[in-house]
Protein backbone atom coordinates (compact mmCIF):
# COMPACT_ATOMS: atom_id res chain seq x y z
CA UNK A 1 49.29 58.98 109.06
CA UNK A 2 48.15 55.72 107.50
CA UNK A 3 47.19 53.12 110.13
CA UNK A 4 47.11 50.01 107.96
CA UNK A 5 48.67 49.45 104.60
CA UNK A 6 48.59 46.22 102.65
CA UNK A 7 52.14 44.76 102.61
CA UNK A 8 52.52 45.18 98.83
CA UNK A 9 51.47 48.84 99.11
CA UNK A 10 53.85 49.38 102.03
CA UNK A 11 56.70 48.07 99.89
CA UNK A 12 55.80 50.47 97.09
CA UNK A 13 55.38 53.44 99.44
CA UNK A 14 58.95 52.80 100.53
CA UNK A 15 60.06 52.39 96.90
CA UNK A 16 58.18 55.59 96.03
CA UNK A 17 60.08 57.65 98.61
CA UNK A 18 63.42 56.27 97.43
CA UNK A 19 62.41 56.58 93.76
CA UNK A 20 61.21 60.13 94.16
CA UNK A 21 64.35 61.23 95.99
CA UNK A 22 66.53 59.56 93.37
CA UNK A 23 64.72 60.95 90.31
CA UNK A 24 64.26 64.46 91.66
CA UNK A 25 67.59 64.68 93.49
CA UNK A 26 65.89 65.31 96.84
CA UNK A 27 67.38 64.34 100.16
CA UNK A 28 65.46 61.76 102.20
CA UNK A 29 65.34 64.37 104.99
CA UNK A 30 63.54 66.85 102.67
CA UNK A 31 61.08 64.14 101.66
CA UNK A 32 60.48 63.14 105.28
CA UNK A 33 59.96 66.75 106.40
CA UNK A 34 57.72 68.03 103.60
CA UNK A 35 55.72 65.05 102.30
CA UNK A 36 52.78 63.30 103.96
CA UNK A 37 51.31 60.36 102.09
CA UNK A 38 47.52 60.44 102.24
CA UNK A 39 46.31 57.72 99.89
CA UNK A 40 47.68 54.84 97.85
CA UNK A 41 46.17 52.37 95.45
CA UNK A 42 46.93 49.84 92.78
CA UNK A 43 45.55 50.53 89.30
CA UNK A 44 44.97 47.64 86.93
CA UNK A 45 45.44 48.31 83.21
CA UNK A 46 45.70 46.18 80.09
CA UNK A 47 49.43 46.90 80.19
CA UNK A 48 49.83 45.80 83.81
CA UNK A 49 49.61 47.43 87.22
CA UNK A 50 50.58 50.90 88.34
CA UNK A 51 50.95 52.20 91.86
CA UNK A 52 49.41 55.58 92.70
CA UNK A 53 50.30 57.64 95.72
CA UNK A 54 48.58 60.86 96.75
CA UNK A 55 50.32 63.18 99.15
CA UNK A 56 50.41 66.62 100.61
CA UNK A 57 53.50 68.71 100.13
CA UNK A 58 53.89 71.28 102.90
CA UNK A 59 56.38 74.10 102.73
CA UNK A 60 55.86 76.64 105.49
CA UNK A 61 52.16 77.55 105.59
CA UNK A 62 51.49 76.41 102.01
CA UNK A 63 50.08 72.96 101.35
CA UNK A 64 49.60 71.46 97.89
CA UNK A 65 47.87 68.15 97.22
CA UNK A 66 49.13 65.99 94.39
CA UNK A 67 49.17 62.42 93.11
CA UNK A 68 51.90 60.51 91.29
CA UNK A 69 51.97 57.02 89.85
CA UNK A 70 54.40 54.56 88.38
CA UNK A 71 54.27 51.17 86.71
CA UNK A 72 55.11 48.25 89.02
CA UNK A 73 54.19 45.31 86.76
CA UNK A 74 53.87 44.74 83.02
CA UNK A 75 51.40 42.15 81.73
CA UNK A 76 52.54 39.59 79.19
CA UNK A 77 50.36 41.08 76.45
CA UNK A 78 52.07 44.51 76.39
CA UNK A 79 54.82 45.40 73.95
CA UNK A 80 56.19 48.25 76.07
CA UNK A 81 59.62 47.90 77.65
CA UNK A 82 60.24 44.47 76.16
CA UNK A 83 63.48 44.10 78.14
CA UNK A 84 61.60 44.18 81.46
CA UNK A 85 60.01 41.10 83.06
CA UNK A 86 56.33 40.27 82.61
CA UNK A 87 53.83 39.34 85.33
CA UNK A 88 56.27 40.01 88.18
CA UNK A 89 56.90 43.07 90.31
CA UNK A 90 59.56 45.41 88.99
CA UNK A 91 62.53 46.29 91.16
CA UNK A 92 63.63 49.84 91.97
CA UNK A 93 65.97 50.21 88.99
CA UNK A 94 63.39 48.81 86.56
CA UNK A 95 60.71 51.17 87.84
CA UNK A 96 63.10 54.10 87.53
CA UNK A 97 63.56 53.41 83.79
CA UNK A 98 59.80 53.61 83.13
CA UNK A 99 58.88 56.79 85.02
CA UNK A 100 57.21 59.29 82.71
CA UNK A 101 57.36 56.95 79.74
CA UNK A 102 54.03 55.15 80.09
CA UNK A 103 50.46 56.44 80.33
CA UNK A 104 50.18 55.32 83.93
CA UNK A 105 53.58 56.60 85.07
CA UNK A 106 54.13 60.17 86.17
CA UNK A 107 56.10 61.76 88.99
CA UNK A 108 55.88 65.55 89.12
CA UNK A 109 58.87 67.83 89.60
CA UNK A 110 59.24 69.47 93.00
CA UNK A 111 61.34 72.55 93.67
CA UNK A 112 64.05 71.81 96.19
CA UNK A 113 63.82 75.36 97.56
CA UNK A 114 62.03 74.96 100.91
CA UNK A 115 61.68 78.70 101.47
CA UNK A 116 58.50 80.60 100.63
CA UNK A 117 58.84 84.20 99.47
CA UNK A 118 55.83 85.20 101.60
CA UNK A 119 55.54 84.77 105.36
CA UNK A 120 51.74 84.24 105.23
CA UNK A 121 48.93 83.48 102.84
CA UNK A 122 47.56 86.99 103.43
CA UNK A 123 50.81 88.63 102.32
CA UNK A 124 50.93 86.46 99.17
CA UNK A 125 47.27 87.23 98.39
CA UNK A 126 47.74 90.98 98.92
CA UNK A 127 50.80 90.93 96.66
CA UNK A 128 48.74 89.24 93.96
CA UNK A 129 45.85 91.70 94.41
CA UNK A 130 48.25 94.63 93.94
CA UNK A 131 49.87 93.04 90.88
CA UNK A 132 46.46 92.32 89.33
CA UNK A 133 45.33 95.90 90.06
CA UNK A 134 42.04 94.86 91.65
CA UNK A 135 40.43 95.49 95.04
CA UNK A 136 40.01 91.90 96.12
CA UNK A 137 40.59 88.28 95.17
CA UNK A 138 39.51 85.08 96.89
CA UNK A 139 42.28 82.57 97.32
CA UNK A 140 41.78 79.24 95.60
CA UNK A 141 43.97 76.19 95.53
CA UNK A 142 47.70 75.81 95.89
CA UNK A 143 49.27 73.47 93.36
CA UNK A 144 52.64 72.32 92.05
CA UNK A 145 53.75 73.95 88.79
CA UNK A 146 54.43 71.21 86.21
CA UNK A 147 57.56 72.92 84.86
CA UNK A 148 59.31 74.60 87.79
CA UNK A 149 58.05 72.40 90.63
CA UNK A 150 57.28 75.56 92.64
CA UNK A 151 54.11 76.01 94.66
CA UNK A 152 51.58 78.27 92.93
CA UNK A 153 48.54 79.88 94.56
CA UNK A 154 45.49 80.68 92.45
CA UNK A 155 43.00 83.38 93.34
CA UNK A 156 39.79 84.56 91.68
CA UNK A 157 37.57 87.61 91.66
CA UNK A 158 34.46 88.87 89.91
CA UNK A 159 34.28 92.32 88.36
CA UNK A 160 31.39 94.39 89.74
CA UNK A 161 28.71 95.50 87.29
CA UNK A 162 30.07 93.38 84.43
CA UNK A 163 28.29 90.32 83.06
CA UNK A 164 30.25 87.06 83.27
CA UNK A 165 33.56 88.84 83.75
CA UNK A 166 36.06 87.53 86.27
CA UNK A 167 39.77 87.60 86.92
CA UNK A 168 42.13 84.77 87.72
CA UNK A 169 45.49 85.45 89.33
CA UNK A 170 48.41 83.17 90.09
CA UNK A 171 51.42 83.81 92.27
CA UNK A 172 54.52 81.65 92.49
CA UNK A 173 55.08 81.25 96.22
CA UNK A 174 58.81 80.56 95.77
CA UNK A 175 59.82 83.18 93.16
CA UNK A 176 57.06 85.77 93.69
CA UNK A 177 56.22 85.94 89.98
CA UNK A 178 52.58 86.89 89.38
CA UNK A 179 50.23 86.62 86.44
CA UNK A 180 46.60 87.52 85.98
CA UNK A 181 44.05 87.30 83.21
CA UNK A 182 40.44 88.18 82.60
CA UNK A 183 38.33 85.05 82.27
CA UNK A 184 34.71 84.00 82.01
CA UNK A 185 33.22 83.36 85.43
CA UNK A 186 32.94 79.77 86.60
CA UNK A 187 29.75 78.34 87.97
CA UNK A 188 30.48 76.01 90.90
């Protein structure tokens, strides 16, 4: 929970929740139950100001961290969206028309299916291990798929006795679809 938020950021956090629900056809109850805002900030660009919000999306045991942003002000020297006001904060409807259409404006799709296919991380990981036909994988991050909006878990493993040979697996936690591929090992 955020203890103190600058009044202008508080206004845009509220706009963000409403905007997100409107654009993605989510109910406010779904947003309230599954989203936790962790960080916000204003970004200053030549074209104006955008508002960024980072959040965790929690569905069951799975938690994905993501950030979205949208334009809240256009400077007078930009030619984008000439019908919108310059040097003043945009209202909800004006913001909605710009989402995804400027460099600094992006709100990711979220699946509205709140049910995970797997009861635990271990079950999901074991399903992926079987599908990849390996003995073990180490779970990595959980992220939001750009296209479907579903939560995806990544997992990695290193082949024994092979130089620079690893495997990466992904499992869609909503649909159960898996994929795996041999990759070069990463050095962390």
